[in-house]
Amino acid sequence: MKLQGEGKLIRIFLGESDKVSHQPLYEVIVRSARENGLAGATVLRGVEGYGADSRVIHTAKILRLSEDLPIVVEIVDTEEQIKSFLPIVEGLIEEAKCGAMITLEKAEVVRYSVGKS
């Protein structure tokens, strides 16, 4: 796959404990991205954060260990691929009945290549 130049970056902010059919939502999103042929996905685990309800700050501090740390899923691909994937992500979030935020921004792909196998 050739991916270079202007693309789109989708970021999905959710909680570690968000689930779809007893599986972590972030795992389901990554697998779905792969099944739909997107260029790649990365999951980042936050050490602290809060969401729309802002009632609790979730943290990885040793004295207040959270079971629901922030998770960010990042996916970069062409605008067409990302826009066609958005309804799938929204459907998964609805199914999980969780709070989430999705952002979309321009991304200039400088290099996208396969490493050593």
PDB file of N, CA and C in Angstrom:
ATOM      1  N   MET A   1       0.839  -1.173   0.000  1.00  0.00           N
ATOM      2  CA  MET A   1       0.000   0.000   0.000  1.00  0.00           C
ATOM      3  C   MET A   1       0.890   1.243   0.000  1.00  0.00           C
ATOM      4  N   LYS A   2       0.572   2.189  -0.847  1.00  0.00           N
ATOM      5  CA  LYS A   2       1.315   3.446  -0.893  1.00  0.00           C
ATOM      6  C   LYS A   2       0.475   4.511  -0.195  1.00  0.00           C
ATOM      7  N   LEU A   3       1.070   5.127   0.790  1.00  0.00           N
ATOM      8  CA  LEU A   3       0.402   6.206   1.520  1.00  0.00           C
ATOM      9  C   LEU A   3       1.431   7.295   1.733  1.00  0.00           C
ATOM     10  N   GLN A   4       1.230   8.406   1.065  1.00  0.00           N
ATOM     11  CA  GLN A   4       2.167   9.516   1.191  1.00  0.00           C
ATOM     12  C   GLN A   4       1.420  10.797   0.864  1.00  0.00           C
ATOM     13  N   GLY A   5       1.849  11.882   1.477  1.00  0.00           N
ATOM     14  CA  GLY A   5       1.198  13.162   1.239  1.00  0.00           C
ATOM     15  C   GLY A   5       0.088  13.396   2.247  1.00  0.00           C
ATOM     16  N   GLU A   6      -0.936  14.112   1.802  1.00  0.00           N
ATOM     17  CA  GLU A   6      -2.002  14.480   2.730  1.00  0.00           C
ATOM     18  C   GLU A   6      -2.918  13.307   3.050  1.00  0.00           C
ATOM     19  N   GLY A   7      -3.138  13.103   4.324  1.00  0.00           N
ATOM     20  CA  GLY A   7      -4.052  12.076   4.804  1.00  0.00           C
ATOM     21  C   GLY A   7      -4.885  12.641   5.930  1.00  0.00           C
ATOM     22  N   LYS A   8      -5.536  11.779   6.650  1.00  0.00           N
ATOM     23  CA  LYS A   8      -6.343  12.175   7.806  1.00  0.00           C
ATOM     24  C   LYS A   8      -5.941  11.336   9.004  1.00  0.00           C
ATOM     25  N   LEU A   9      -6.022  11.954  10.162  1.00  0.00           N
ATOM     26  CA  LEU A   9      -5.758  11.281  11.437  1.00  0.00           C
ATOM     27  C   LEU A   9      -7.039  11.312  12.243  1.00  0.00           C
ATOM     28  N   ILE A  10      -7.487  10.144  12.626  1.00  0.00           N
ATOM     29  CA  ILE A  10      -8.638  10.051  13.519  1.00  0.00           C
ATOM     30  C   ILE A  10      -8.108   9.655  14.890  1.00  0.00           C
ATOM     31  N   ARG A  11      -8.567  10.364  15.913  1.00  0.00           N
ATOM     32  CA  ARG A  11      -8.228  10.021  17.299  1.00  0.00           C
ATOM     33  C   ARG A  11      -9.523   9.713  18.021  1.00  0.00           C
ATOM     34  N   ILE A  12      -9.515   8.588  18.709  1.00  0.00           N
ATOM     35  CA  ILE A  12     -10.692   8.154  19.460  1.00  0.00           C
ATOM     36  C   ILE A  12     -10.279   8.085  20.924  1.00  0.00           C
ATOM     37  N   PHE A  13     -10.888   8.921  21.745  1.00  0.00           N
ATOM     38  CA  PHE A  13     -10.602   8.984  23.180  1.00  0.00           C
ATOM     39  C   PHE A  13     -11.680   8.193  23.901  1.00  0.00           C
ATOM     40  N   LEU A  14     -11.271   7.228  24.710  1.00  0.00           N
ATOM     41  CA  LEU A  14     -12.227   6.420  25.459  1.00  0.00           C
ATOM     42  C   LEU A  14     -11.581   5.917  26.735  1.00  0.00           C
ATOM     43  N   GLY A  15     -12.295   5.095  27.460  1.00  0.00           N
ATOM     44  CA  GLY A  15     -11.785   4.550  28.712  1.00  0.00           C
ATOM     45  C   GLY A  15     -11.343   3.104  28.554  1.00  0.00           C
ATOM     46  N   GLU A  16     -10.383   2.725  29.356  1.00  0.00           N
ATOM     47  CA  GLU A  16      -9.837   1.373  29.314  1.00  0.00           C
ATOM     48  C   GLU A  16     -10.898   0.313  29.610  1.00  0.00           C
ATOM     49  N   SER A  17     -11.884   0.654  30.407  1.00  0.00           N
ATOM     50  CA  SER A  17     -12.890  -0.336  30.797  1.00  0.00           C
ATOM     51  C   SER A  17     -14.072  -0.417  29.823  1.00  0.00           C
ATOM     52  N   ASP A  18     -14.098   0.404  28.774  1.00  0.00           N
ATOM     53  CA  ASP A  18     -15.185   0.362  27.796  1.00  0.00           C
ATOM     54  C   ASP A  18     -15.116  -0.946  27.012  1.00  0.00           C
ATOM     55  N   LYS A  19     -16.258  -1.613  26.907  1.00  0.00           N
ATOM     56  CA  LYS A  19     -16.297  -2.942  26.289  1.00  0.00           C
ATOM     57  C   LYS A  19     -17.397  -3.057  25.245  1.00  0.00           C
ATOM     58  N   VAL A  20     -17.161  -3.952  24.277  1.00  0.00           N
ATOM     59  CA  VAL A  20     -18.164  -4.378  23.298  1.00  0.00           C
ATOM     60  C   VAL A  20     -18.134  -5.898  23.319  1.00  0.00           C
ATOM     61  N   SER A  21     -19.249  -6.518  23.644  1.00  0.00           N
ATOM     62  CA  SER A  21     -19.333  -7.984  23.718  1.00  0.00           C
ATOM     63  C   SER A  21     -18.200  -8.563  24.567  1.00  0.00           C
ATOM     64  N   HIS A  22     -17.970  -7.987  25.726  1.00  0.00           N
ATOM     65  CA  HIS A  22     -16.979  -8.441  26.706  1.00  0.00           C
ATOM     66  C   HIS A  22     -15.533  -8.296  26.234  1.00  0.00           C
ATOM     67  N   GLN A  23     -15.295  -7.562  25.151  1.00  0.00           N
ATOM     68  CA  GLN A  23     -13.936  -7.306  24.673  1.00  0.00           C
ATOM     69  C   GLN A  23     -13.650  -5.815  24.825  1.00  0.00           C
ATOM     70  N   PRO A  24     -12.401  -5.444  25.123  1.00  0.00           N
ATOM     71  CA  PRO A  24     -12.078  -4.018  25.215  1.00  0.00           C
ATOM     72  C   PRO A  24     -12.412  -3.305  23.898  1.00  0.00           C
ATOM     73  N   LEU A  25     -13.079  -2.172  24.010  1.00  0.00           N
ATOM     74  CA  LEU A  25     -13.505  -1.416  22.834  1.00  0.00           C
ATOM     75  C   LEU A  25     -12.308  -1.044  21.958  1.00  0.00           C
ATOM     76  N   TYR A  26     -11.181  -0.661  22.582  1.00  0.00           N
ATOM     77  CA  TYR A  26     -10.024  -0.276  21.770  1.00  0.00           C
ATOM     78  C   TYR A  26      -9.529  -1.445  20.920  1.00  0.00           C
ATOM     79  N   GLU A  27      -9.592  -2.669  21.443  1.00  0.00           N
ATOM     80  CA  GLU A  27      -9.179  -3.842  20.661  1.00  0.00           C
ATOM     81  C   GLU A  27     -10.132  -4.069  19.487  1.00  0.00           C
ATOM     82  N   VAL A  28     -11.415  -3.907  19.729  1.00  0.00           N
ATOM     83  CA  VAL A  28     -12.412  -4.110  18.678  1.00  0.00           C
ATOM     84  C   VAL A  28     -12.222  -3.065  17.575  1.00  0.00           C
ATOM     85  N   ILE A  29     -11.916  -1.823  17.949  1.00  0.00           N
ATOM     86  CA  ILE A  29     -11.690  -0.767  16.958  1.00  0.00           C
ATOM     87  C   ILE A  29     -10.457  -1.090  16.109  1.00  0.00           C
ATOM     88  N   VAL A  30      -9.364  -1.504  16.736  1.00  0.00           N
ATOM     89  CA  VAL A  30      -8.139  -1.818  15.996  1.00  0.00           C
ATOM     90  C   VAL A  30      -8.376  -2.987  15.042  1.00  0.00           C
ATOM     91  N   ARG A  31      -9.021  -4.032  15.505  1.00  0.00           N
ATOM     92  CA  ARG A  31      -9.286  -5.180  14.636  1.00  0.00           C
ATOM     93  C   ARG A  31     -10.202  -4.797  13.475  1.00  0.00           C
ATOM     94  N   SER A  32     -11.178  -3.963  13.761  1.00  0.00           N
ATOM     95  CA  SER A  32     -12.087  -3.501  12.722  1.00  0.00           C
ATOM     96  C   SER A  32     -11.349  -2.644  11.686  1.00  0.00           C
ATOM     97  N   ALA A  33     -10.428  -1.815  12.157  1.00  0.00           N
ATOM     98  CA  ALA A  33      -9.623  -0.999  11.233  1.00  0.00           C
ATOM     99  C   ALA A  33      -8.808  -1.902  10.308  1.00  0.00           C
ATOM    100  N   ARG A  34      -8.234  -2.935  10.878  1.00  0.00           N
ATOM    101  CA  ARG A  34      -7.436  -3.874  10.067  1.00  0.00           C
ATOM    102  C   ARG A  34      -8.315  -4.600   9.056  1.00  0.00           C
ATOM    103  N   GLU A  35      -9.467  -5.077   9.513  1.00  0.00           N
ATOM    104  CA  GLU A  35     -10.395  -5.786   8.620  1.00  0.00           C
ATOM    105  C   GLU A  35     -10.876  -4.896   7.476  1.00  0.00           C
ATOM    106  N   ASN A  36     -10.950  -3.579   7.735  1.00  0.00           N
ATOM    107  CA  ASN A  36     -11.411  -2.633   6.726  1.00  0.00           C
ATOM    108  C   ASN A  36     -10.275  -2.055   5.888  1.00  0.00           C
ATOM    109  N   GLY A  37      -9.063  -2.592   6.068  1.00  0.00           N
ATOM    110  CA  GLY A  37      -7.950  -2.229   5.217  1.00  0.00           C
ATOM    111  C   GLY A  37      -7.298  -0.889   5.493  1.00  0.00           C
ATOM    112  N   LEU A  38      -7.476  -0.334   6.685  1.00  0.00           N
ATOM    113  CA  LEU A  38      -6.824   0.923   7.003  1.00  0.00           C
ATOM    114  C   LEU A  38      -5.327   0.701   7.192  1.00  0.00           C
ATOM    115  N   ALA A  39      -4.548   1.753   6.964  1.00  0.00           N
ATOM    116  CA  ALA A  39      -3.088   1.644   6.917  1.00  0.00           C
ATOM    117  C   ALA A  39      -2.480   1.163   8.231  1.00  0.00           C
ATOM    118  N   GLY A  40      -3.001   1.600   9.356  1.00  0.00           N
ATOM    119  CA  GLY A  40      -2.444   1.193  10.640  1.00  0.00           C
ATOM    120  C   GLY A  40      -3.148   1.883  11.781  1.00  0.00           C
ATOM    121  N   ALA A  41      -3.012   1.322  12.960  1.00  0.00           N
ATOM    122  CA  ALA A  41      -3.650   1.878  14.157  1.00  0.00           C
ATOM    123  C   ALA A  41      -2.709   1.700  15.337  1.00  0.00           C
ATOM    124  N   THR A  42      -2.758   2.655  16.248  1.00  0.00           N
ATOM    125  CA  THR A  42      -1.951   2.597  17.464  1.00  0.00           C
ATOM    126  C   THR A  42      -2.844   2.920  18.652  1.00  0.00           C
ATOM    127  N   VAL A  43      -2.669   2.178  19.737  1.00  0.00           N
ATOM    128  CA  VAL A  43      -3.400   2.433  20.977  1.00  0.00           C
ATOM    129  C   VAL A  43      -2.423   2.999  21.992  1.00  0.00           C
ATOM    130  N   LEU A  44      -2.794   4.128  22.571  1.00  0.00           N
ATOM    131  CA  LEU A  44      -1.985   4.781  23.594  1.00  0.00           C
ATOM    132  C   LEU A  44      -2.741   4.758  24.913  1.00  0.00           C
ATOM    133  N   ARG A  45      -2.049   4.381  25.979  1.00  0.00           N
ATOM    134  CA  ARG A  45      -2.671   4.328  27.302  1.00  0.00           C
ATOM    135  C   ARG A  45      -2.197   5.531  28.097  1.00  0.00           C
ATOM    136  N   GLY A  46      -3.129   6.329  28.551  1.00  0.00           N
ATOM    137  CA  GLY A  46      -2.796   7.525  29.307  1.00  0.00           C
ATOM    138  C   GLY A  46      -2.502   7.218  30.763  1.00  0.00           C
ATOM    139  N   VAL A  47      -1.773   8.117  31.402  1.00  0.00           N
ATOM    140  CA  VAL A  47      -1.480   7.946  32.825  1.00  0.00           C
ATOM    141  C   VAL A  47      -2.457   8.722  33.694  1.00  0.00           C
ATOM    142  N   GLU A  48      -3.184   9.670  33.078  1.00  0.00           N
ATOM    143  CA  GLU A  48      -4.162  10.425  33.843  1.00  0.00           C
ATOM    144  C   GLU A  48      -5.079  11.166  32.881  1.00  0.00           C
ATOM    145  N   GLY A  49      -6.323  11.342  33.271  1.00  0.00           N
ATOM    146  CA  GLY A  49      -7.255  12.102  32.451  1.00  0.00           C
ATOM    147  C   GLY A  49      -8.664  12.027  32.995  1.00  0.00           C
ATOM    148  N   TYR A  50      -9.549  12.793  32.353  1.00  0.00           N
ATOM    149  CA  TYR A  50     -10.964  12.744  32.686  1.00  0.00           C
ATOM    150  C   TYR A  50     -11.765  13.007  31.424  1.00  0.00           C
ATOM    151  N   GLY A  51     -13.026  12.661  31.458  1.00  0.00           N
ATOM    152  CA  GLY A  51     -13.868  12.793  30.279  1.00  0.00           C
ATOM    153  C   GLY A  51     -14.977  13.798  30.465  1.00  0.00           C
ATOM    154  N   ALA A  52     -16.008  13.661  29.647  1.00  0.00           N
ATOM    155  CA  ALA A  52     -17.099  14.625  29.605  1.00  0.00           C
ATOM    156  C   ALA A  52     -17.824  14.765  30.939  1.00  0.00           C
ATOM    157  N   ASP A  53     -17.939  13.681  31.698  1.00  0.00           N
ATOM    158  CA  ASP A  53     -18.637  13.789  32.977  1.00  0.00           C
ATOM    159  C   ASP A  53     -17.783  14.480  34.035  1.00  0.00           C
ATOM    160  N   SER A  54     -16.471  14.466  33.863  1.00  0.00           N
ATOM    161  CA  SER A  54     -15.467  15.123  34.718  1.00  0.00           C
ATOM    162  C   SER A  54     -15.694  14.960  36.213  1.00  0.00           C
ATOM    163  N   ARG A  55     -16.357  13.884  36.599  1.00  0.00           N
ATOM    164  CA  ARG A  55     -16.582  13.624  38.020  1.00  0.00           C
ATOM    165  C   ARG A  55     -15.348  13.042  38.694  1.00  0.00           C
ATOM    166  N   VAL A  56     -14.580  12.264  37.948  1.00  0.00           N
ATOM    167  CA  VAL A  56     -13.436  11.572  38.526  1.00  0.00           C
ATOM    168  C   VAL A  56     -12.238  11.741  37.597  1.00  0.00           C
ATOM    169  N   ILE A  57     -11.074  11.983  38.185  1.00  0.00           N
ATOM    170  CA  ILE A  57      -9.838  11.961  37.405  1.00  0.00           C
ATOM    171  C   ILE A  57      -9.273  10.555  37.536  1.00  0.00           C
ATOM    172  N   HIS A  58      -9.103   9.899  36.409  1.00  0.00           N
ATOM    173  CA  HIS A  58      -8.546   8.550  36.394  1.00  0.00           C
ATOM    174  C   HIS A  58      -7.030   8.678  36.329  1.00  0.00           C
ATOM    175  N   THR A  59      -6.330   7.985  37.212  1.00  0.00           N
ATOM    176  CA  THR A  59      -4.886   8.148  37.292  1.00  0.00           C
ATOM    177  C   THR A  59      -4.184   6.824  37.553  1.00  0.00           C
ATOM    178  N   ALA A  60      -2.921   6.771  37.167  1.00  0.00           N
ATOM    179  CA  ALA A  60      -2.099   5.579  37.392  1.00  0.00           C
ATOM    180  C   ALA A  60      -1.213   5.752  38.617  1.00  0.00           C
ATOM    181  N   LYS A  61      -1.437   6.817  39.396  1.00  0.00           N
ATOM    182  CA  LYS A  61      -0.639   7.021  40.608  1.00  0.00           C
ATOM    183  C   LYS A  61      -0.842   5.846  41.546  1.00  0.00           C
ATOM    184  N   ILE A  62       0.211   5.438  42.191  1.00  0.00           N
ATOM    185  CA  ILE A  62       0.216   4.212  42.987  1.00  0.00           C
ATOM    186  C   ILE A  62      -0.836   4.206  44.102  1.00  0.00           C
ATOM    187  N   LEU A  63      -1.097   5.351  44.715  1.00  0.00           N
ATOM    188  CA  LEU A  63      -2.058   5.387  45.818  1.00  0.00           C
ATOM    189  C   LEU A  63      -3.509   5.442  45.347  1.00  0.00           C
ATOM    190  N   ARG A  64      -3.721   5.799  44.077  1.00  0.00           N
ATOM    191  CA  ARG A  64      -5.082   5.915  43.553  1.00  0.00           C
ATOM    192  C   ARG A  64      -5.193   5.168  42.239  1.00  0.00           C
ATOM    193  N   LEU A  65      -4.739   3.940  42.204  1.00  0.00           N
ATOM    194  CA  LEU A  65      -4.683   3.168  40.968  1.00  0.00           C
ATOM    195  C   LEU A  65      -6.072   3.021  40.342  1.00  0.00           C
ATOM    196  N   SER A  66      -6.205   3.449  39.117  1.00  0.00           N
ATOM    197  CA  SER A  66      -7.477   3.405  38.414  1.00  0.00           C
ATOM    198  C   SER A  66      -7.575   2.143  37.570  1.00  0.00           C
ATOM    199  N   GLU A  67      -8.775   1.646  37.465  1.00  0.00           N
ATOM    200  CA  GLU A  67      -9.047   0.499  36.596  1.00  0.00           C
ATOM    201  C   GLU A  67      -9.565   0.984  35.240  1.00  0.00           C
ATOM    202  N   ASP A  68      -9.673   2.306  35.073  1.00  0.00           N
ATOM    203  CA  ASP A  68     -10.253   2.860  33.856  1.00  0.00           C
ATOM    204  C   ASP A  68      -9.403   4.020  33.344  1.00  0.00           C
ATOM    205  N   LEU A  69      -8.165   3.721  32.977  1.00  0.00           N
ATOM    206  CA  LEU A  69      -7.270   4.765  32.483  1.00  0.00           C
ATOM    207  C   LEU A  69      -7.696   5.223  31.090  1.00  0.00           C
ATOM    208  N   PRO A  70      -7.305   6.451  30.721  1.00  0.00           N
ATOM    209  CA  PRO A  70      -7.655   6.946  29.388  1.00  0.00           C
ATOM    210  C   PRO A  70      -6.942   6.148  28.301  1.00  0.00           C
ATOM    211  N   ILE A  71      -7.649   5.956  27.200  1.00  0.00           N
ATOM    212  CA  ILE A  71      -7.109   5.266  26.031  1.00  0.00           C
ATOM    213  C   ILE A  71      -7.335   6.172  24.818  1.00  0.00           C
ATOM    214  N   VAL A  72      -6.324   6.262  23.955  1.00  0.00           N
ATOM    215  CA  VAL A  72      -6.463   6.978  22.689  1.00  0.00           C
ATOM    216  C   VAL A  72      -6.089   6.006  21.576  1.00  0.00           C
ATOM    217  N   VAL A  73      -6.978   5.866  20.605  1.00  0.00           N
ATOM    218  CA  VAL A  73      -6.692   5.061  19.418  1.00  0.00           C
ATOM    219  C   VAL A  73      -6.448   6.050  18.283  1.00  0.00           C
ATOM    220  N   GLU A  74      -5.292   5.932  17.629  1.00  0.00           N
ATOM    221  CA  GLU A  74      -4.957   6.797  16.501  1.00  0.00           C
ATOM    222  C   GLU A  74      -4.865   5.963  15.232  1.00  0.00           C
ATOM    223  N   ILE A  75      -5.490   6.480  14.177  1.00  0.00           N
ATOM    224  CA  ILE A  75      -5.469   5.794  12.891  1.00  0.00           C
ATOM    225  C   ILE A  75      -5.218   6.847  11.812  1.00  0.00           C
ATOM    226  N   VAL A  76      -4.246   6.588  10.939  1.00  0.00           N
ATOM    227  CA  VAL A  76      -3.955   7.492   9.829  1.00  0.00           C
ATOM    228  C   VAL A  76      -4.161   6.744   8.522  1.00  0.00           C
ATOM    229  N   ASP A  77      -4.832   7.402   7.594  1.00  0.00           N
ATOM    230  CA  ASP A  77      -5.024   6.841   6.256  1.00  0.00           C
ATOM    231  C   ASP A  77      -5.485   7.970   5.351  1.00  0.00           C
ATOM    232  N   THR A  78      -5.941   7.628   4.161  1.00  0.00           N
ATOM    233  CA  THR A  78      -6.477   8.638   3.253  1.00  0.00           C
ATOM    234  C   THR A  78      -7.796   9.164   3.809  1.00  0.00           C
ATOM    235  N   GLU A  79      -8.173  10.335   3.346  1.00  0.00           N
ATOM    236  CA  GLU A  79      -9.436  10.922   3.797  1.00  0.00           C
ATOM    237  C   GLU A  79     -10.615   9.994   3.492  1.00  0.00           C
ATOM    238  N   GLU A  80     -10.608   9.382   2.325  1.00  0.00           N
ATOM    239  CA  GLU A  80     -11.708   8.503   1.929  1.00  0.00           C
ATOM    240  C   GLU A  80     -11.817   7.298   2.872  1.00  0.00           C
ATOM    241  N   GLN A  81     -10.676   6.678   3.158  1.00  0.00           N
ATOM    242  CA  GLN A  81     -10.678   5.506   4.042  1.00  0.00           C
ATOM    243  C   GLN A  81     -11.162   5.878   5.450  1.00  0.00           C
ATOM    244  N   ILE A  82     -10.656   6.987   5.975  1.00  0.00           N
ATOM    245  CA  ILE A  82     -11.028   7.408   7.328  1.00  0.00           C
ATOM    246  C   ILE A  82     -12.509   7.763   7.380  1.00  0.00           C
ATOM    247  N   LYS A  83     -12.985   8.523   6.411  1.00  0.00           N
ATOM    248  CA  LYS A  83     -14.401   8.928   6.421  1.00  0.00           C
ATOM    249  C   LYS A  83     -15.334   7.725   6.284  1.00  0.00           C
ATOM    250  N   SER A  84     -14.914   6.701   5.549  1.00  0.00           N
ATOM    251  CA  SER A  84     -15.765   5.512   5.434  1.00  0.00           C
ATOM    252  C   SER A  84     -15.717   4.666   6.712  1.00  0.00           C
ATOM    253  N   PHE A  85     -14.645   4.823   7.500  1.00  0.00           N
ATOM    254  CA  PHE A  85     -14.509   4.060   8.742  1.00  0.00           C
ATOM    255  C   PHE A  85     -15.236   4.734   9.917  1.00  0.00           C
ATOM    256  N   LEU A  86     -15.451   6.040   9.842  1.00  0.00           N
ATOM    257  CA  LEU A  86     -16.086   6.771  10.942  1.00  0.00           C
ATOM    258  C   LEU A  86     -17.430   6.189  11.391  1.00  0.00           C
ATOM    259  N   PRO A  87     -18.355   5.848  10.484  1.00  0.00           N
ATOM    260  CA  PRO A  87     -19.626   5.284  10.940  1.00  0.00           C
ATOM    261  C   PRO A  87     -19.461   3.960  11.698  1.00  0.00           C
ATOM    262  N   ILE A  88     -18.433   3.187  11.342  1.00  0.00           N
ATOM    263  CA  ILE A  88     -18.169   1.930  12.044  1.00  0.00           C
ATOM    264  C   ILE A  88     -17.747   2.222  13.473  1.00  0.00           C
ATOM    265  N   VAL A  89     -16.842   3.183  13.641  1.00  0.00           N
ATOM    266  CA  VAL A  89     -16.381   3.564  14.978  1.00  0.00           C
ATOM    267  C   VAL A  89     -17.549   4.092  15.808  1.00  0.00           C
ATOM    268  N   GLU A  90     -18.349   4.965  15.212  1.00  0.00           N
ATOM    269  CA  GLU A  90     -19.499   5.519  15.934  1.00  0.00           C
ATOM    270  C   GLU A  90     -20.472   4.421  16.358  1.00  0.00           C
ATOM    271  N   GLY A  91     -20.664   3.442  15.493  1.00  0.00           N
ATOM    272  CA  GLY A  91     -21.532   2.317  15.838  1.00  0.00           C
ATOM    273  C   GLY A  91     -20.994   1.501  17.003  1.00  0.00           C
ATOM    274  N   LEU A  92     -19.679   1.283  17.017  1.00  0.00           N
ATOM    275  CA  LEU A  92     -19.060   0.529  18.116  1.00  0.00           C
ATOM    276  C   LEU A  92     -19.180   1.291  19.435  1.00  0.00           C
ATOM    277  N   ILE A  93     -19.004   2.606  19.386  1.00  0.00           N
ATOM    278  CA  ILE A  93     -19.138   3.420  20.596  1.00  0.00           C
ATOM    279  C   ILE A  93     -20.573   3.383  21.106  1.00  0.00           C
ATOM    280  N   GLU A  94     -21.529   3.461  20.193  1.00  0.00           N
ATOM    281  CA  GLU A  94     -22.948   3.356  20.582  1.00  0.00           C
ATOM    282  C   GLU A  94     -23.223   1.998  21.217  1.00  0.00           C
ATOM    283  N   GLU A  95     -22.690   0.948  20.615  1.00  0.00           N
ATOM    284  CA  GLU A  95     -22.887  -0.404  21.145  1.00  0.00           C
ATOM    285  C   GLU A  95     -22.287  -0.543  22.540  1.00  0.00           C
ATOM    286  N   ALA A  96     -21.147   0.100  22.765  1.00  0.00           N
ATOM    287  CA  ALA A  96     -20.477   0.036  24.069  1.00  0.00           C
ATOM    288  C   ALA A  96     -21.177   0.899  25.113  1.00  0.00           C
ATOM    289  N   LYS A  97     -22.047   1.793  24.652  1.00  0.00           N
ATOM    290  CA  LYS A  97     -22.775   2.704  25.556  1.00  0.00           C
ATOM    291  C   LYS A  97     -21.808   3.448  26.481  1.00  0.00           C
ATOM    292  N   CYS A  98     -20.766   4.004  25.882  1.00  0.00           N
ATOM    293  CA  CYS A  98     -19.742   4.675  26.680  1.00  0.00           C
ATOM    294  C   CYS A  98     -19.582   6.122  26.224  1.00  0.00           C
ATOM    295  N   GLY A  99     -18.929   6.885  27.071  1.00  0.00           N
ATOM    296  CA  GLY A  99     -18.552   8.230  26.687  1.00  0.00           C
ATOM    297  C   GLY A  99     -17.285   8.151  25.855  1.00  0.00           C
ATOM    298  N   ALA A 100     -17.221   8.918  24.804  1.00  0.00           N
ATOM    299  CA  ALA A 100     -16.040   8.924  23.945  1.00  0.00           C
ATOM    300  C   ALA A 100     -15.998  10.235  23.194  1.00  0.00           C
ATOM    301  N   MET A 101     -14.829  10.546  22.663  1.00  0.00           N
ATOM    302  CA  MET A 101     -14.675  11.710  21.797  1.00  0.00           C
ATOM    303  C   MET A 101     -13.862  11.271  20.584  1.00  0.00           C
ATOM    304  N   ILE A 102     -14.281  11.748  19.414  1.00  0.00           N
ATOM    305  CA  ILE A 102     -13.577  11.449  18.176  1.00  0.00           C
ATOM    306  C   ILE A 102     -13.134  12.778  17.577  1.00  0.00           C
ATOM    307  N   THR A 103     -11.852  12.856  17.217  1.00  0.00           N
ATOM    308  CA  THR A 103     -11.365  14.035  16.508  1.00  0.00           C
ATOM    309  C   THR A 103     -10.808  13.607  15.168  1.00  0.00           C
ATOM    310  N   LEU A 104     -10.824  14.542  14.236  1.00  0.00           N
ATOM    311  CA  LEU A 104     -10.342  14.285  12.888  1.00  0.00           C
ATOM    312  C   LEU A 104      -9.498  15.482  12.476  1.00  0.00           C
ATOM    313  N   GLU A 105      -8.304  15.209  11.970  1.00  0.00           N
ATOM    314  CA  GLU A 105      -7.440  16.312  11.550  1.00  0.00           C
ATOM    315  C   GLU A 105      -6.593  15.908  10.365  1.00  0.00           C
ATOM    316  N   LYS A 106      -6.026  16.926   9.719  1.00  0.00           N
ATOM    317  CA  LYS A 106      -5.116  16.673   8.599  1.00  0.00           C
ATOM    318  C   LYS A 106      -3.840  16.040   9.128  1.00  0.00           C
ATOM    319  N   ALA A 107      -3.273  15.174   8.322  1.00  0.00           N
ATOM    320  CA  ALA A 107      -1.981  14.568   8.660  1.00  0.00           C
ATOM    321  C   ALA A 107      -1.174  14.462   7.379  1.00  0.00           C
ATOM    322  N   GLU A 108       0.028  14.997   7.397  1.00  0.00           N
ATOM    323  CA  GLU A 108       0.905  14.830   6.251  1.00  0.00           C
ATOM    324  C   GLU A 108       1.759  13.599   6.483  1.00  0.00           C
ATOM    325  N   VAL A 109       1.591  12.604   5.646  1.00  0.00           N
ATOM    326  CA  VAL A 109       2.350  11.362   5.763  1.00  0.00           C
ATOM    327  C   VAL A 109       3.680  11.571   5.053  1.00  0.00           C
ATOM    328  N   VAL A 110       4.748  11.547   5.814  1.00  0.00           N
ATOM    329  CA  VAL A 110       6.092  11.749   5.278  1.00  0.00           C
ATOM    330  C   VAL A 110       6.687  10.413   4.859  1.00  0.00           C
ATOM    331  N   ARG A 111       6.429   9.385   5.649  1.00  0.00           N
ATOM    332  CA  ARG A 111       6.959   8.054   5.332  1.00  0.00           C
ATOM    333  C   ARG A 111       5.997   7.002   5.859  1.00  0.00           C
ATOM    334  N   TYR A 112       5.737   6.005   5.042  1.00  0.00           N
ATOM    335  CA  TYR A 112       4.928   4.857   5.432  1.00  0.00           C
ATOM    336  C   TYR A 112       5.542   3.667   4.726  1.00  0.00           C
ATOM    337  N   SER A 113       6.255   2.831   5.485  1.00  0.00           N
ATOM    338  CA  SER A 113       6.950   1.719   4.848  1.00  0.00           C
ATOM    339  C   SER A 113       6.977   0.514   5.762  1.00  0.00           C
ATOM    340  N   VAL A 114       7.221  -0.618   5.173  1.00  0.00           N
ATOM    341  CA  VAL A 114       7.313  -1.873   5.904  1.00  0.00           C
ATOM    342  C   VAL A 114       8.735  -2.016   6.428  1.00  0.00           C
ATOM    343  N   GLY A 115       8.874  -2.436   7.689  1.00  0.00           N
ATOM    344  CA  GLY A 115      10.193  -2.683   8.254  1.00  0.00           C
ATOM    345  C   GLY A 115      10.698  -4.059   7.870  1.00  0.00           C
ATOM    346  N   LYS A 116      11.784  -4.475   8.488  1.00  0.00           N
ATOM    347  CA  LYS A 116      12.338  -5.811   8.237  1.00  0.00           C
ATOM    348  C   LYS A 116      11.379  -6.871   8.730  1.00  0.00           C
ATOM    349  N   SER A 117      11.257  -7.940   7.977  1.00  0.00           N
ATOM    350  CA  SER A 117      10.349  -9.027   8.371  1.00  0.00           C
ATOM    351  C   SER A 117      11.112 -10.111   9.089  1.00  0.00           C
TER     352      SER A 117
END
